Amino acid sequence: MNVSTYCGLVCETCDYREKCHCGGCVKTLGNPFHGKCPVAECCISKKLRHCGKCEEFPCRLLTQYSCDPEHGDNPPGARIEYLKALND
C-alpha cells in the first residue's frame, strides 16, 4: 500500500489537498501546506517509511497529532488505526 504521509493521515480525504495544493508530507519531504511537520521530521531522521514502522509506535507526538481536539482525526486516532492495519 502506498502511504502519502508519514503519520498515516490519508491525503486523498484531506480538505487541504486541493485547497492548498498540498502534495502530502512524503512528496514534500516533511513540508506539507502548513510548513515543517515534526512527525515527518522524526520519521525522516529515523529513515522510516511511516510511523507504523517505528519501535515507539504509537508515540506521544503521533498520538497528540491524531487525537488533537481541534485539528486531529475524525474519529480521534484514525491515522494510528490506519497504520496498525498496514501489512507492508
Protein backbone atom coordinates (compact mmCIF):
# COMPACT_ATOMS: atom_id res chain seq x y z
CA MET A 1 0.00 0.00 0.00
CA ASN A 2 1.25 3.47 -0.86
CA VAL A 3 1.36 5.82 2.14
CA SER A 4 1.46 9.51 1.20
CA THR A 5 2.17 10.75 4.74
CA TYR A 6 4.50 9.65 7.49
CA CYS A 7 1.80 9.88 10.17
CA GLY A 8 -0.83 7.81 8.37
CA LEU A 9 -3.17 10.67 7.51
CA VAL A 10 -4.92 9.80 4.25
CA CYS A 11 -4.20 12.67 1.85
CA GLU A 12 -6.99 11.66 -0.51
CA THR A 13 -9.57 12.61 2.13
CA CYS A 14 -7.84 15.79 3.34
CA ASP A 15 -9.66 19.08 2.67
CA TYR A 16 -6.34 20.91 2.29
CA ARG A 17 -5.04 18.73 -0.52
CA GLU A 18 -6.65 20.72 -3.33
CA LYS A 19 -7.40 23.94 -1.46
CA CYS A 20 -3.71 24.46 -0.55
CA HIS A 21 -2.18 22.46 -3.42
CA CYS A 22 -0.56 20.12 -0.91
CA GLY A 23 1.33 17.09 -2.20
CA GLY A 24 1.48 15.40 1.21
CA CYS A 25 4.44 15.20 3.52
CA VAL A 26 6.22 12.33 1.74
CA LYS A 27 6.29 14.22 -1.59
CA THR A 28 7.22 17.49 0.11
CA LEU A 29 9.86 15.87 2.34
CA GLY A 30 8.08 16.78 5.55
CA ASN A 31 6.86 20.23 4.50
CA PRO A 32 3.14 19.96 3.70
CA PHE A 33 0.89 23.02 3.27
CA HIS A 34 1.25 24.13 6.91
CA GLY A 35 5.07 24.04 6.96
CA LYS A 36 7.60 21.74 8.57
CA CYS A 37 5.96 18.78 10.30
CA PRO A 38 7.66 17.40 13.44
CA VAL A 39 6.10 13.94 12.91
CA ALA A 40 7.51 13.75 9.38
CA GLU A 41 10.84 15.14 10.60
CA CYS A 42 11.05 12.32 13.16
CA CYS A 43 10.32 9.61 10.55
CA ILE A 44 12.79 11.08 8.09
CA SER A 45 15.51 11.25 10.74
CA LYS A 46 14.91 7.56 11.55
CA LYS A 47 14.79 6.65 7.83
CA LEU A 48 11.30 5.15 8.20
CA ARG A 49 8.60 4.97 5.51
CA HIS A 50 5.94 5.87 8.08
CA CYS A 51 5.31 5.96 11.83
CA GLY A 52 3.92 2.44 11.85
CA LYS A 53 7.47 1.17 11.28
CA CYS A 54 8.81 2.83 14.43
CA GLU A 55 9.70 0.86 17.58
CA GLU A 56 7.90 3.56 19.63
CA PHE A 57 4.66 3.40 17.59
CA PRO A 58 2.33 4.97 18.53
CA CYS A 59 4.47 7.57 20.27
CA ARG A 60 3.28 10.57 22.25
CA LEU A 61 3.89 13.01 19.36
CA LEU A 62 1.85 10.97 16.87
CA THR A 63 -0.93 10.47 19.42
CA GLN A 64 -1.07 14.23 20.08
CA TYR A 65 -1.48 14.94 16.36
CA SER A 66 -4.01 12.18 15.83
CA CYS A 67 -6.16 12.99 18.86
CA ASP A 68 -5.93 16.80 18.91
CA PRO A 69 -9.45 18.10 19.65
CA GLU A 70 -9.25 20.95 17.11
CA HIS A 71 -7.09 19.63 14.25
CA GLY A 72 -6.90 15.90 14.89
CA ASP A 73 -8.55 12.95 13.23
CA ASN A 74 -12.26 12.27 13.00
CA PRO A 75 -12.64 9.93 14.78
CA PRO A 76 -9.67 10.61 17.09
CA GLY A 77 -6.86 8.14 16.49
CA ALA A 78 -7.93 7.24 12.93
CA ARG A 79 -4.43 7.59 11.44
CA ILE A 80 -3.00 5.34 14.15
CA GLU A 81 -5.57 2.66 13.39
CA TYR A 82 -4.82 3.03 9.66
CA LEU A 83 -1.11 2.45 10.26
CA LYS A 84 -1.82 -0.54 12.53
CA ALA A 85 -3.78 -2.14 9.68
CA LEU A 86 -0.95 -1.81 7.14
CA ASN A 87 0.84 -5.02 6.27
CA ASP A 88 3.90 -3.69 4.49
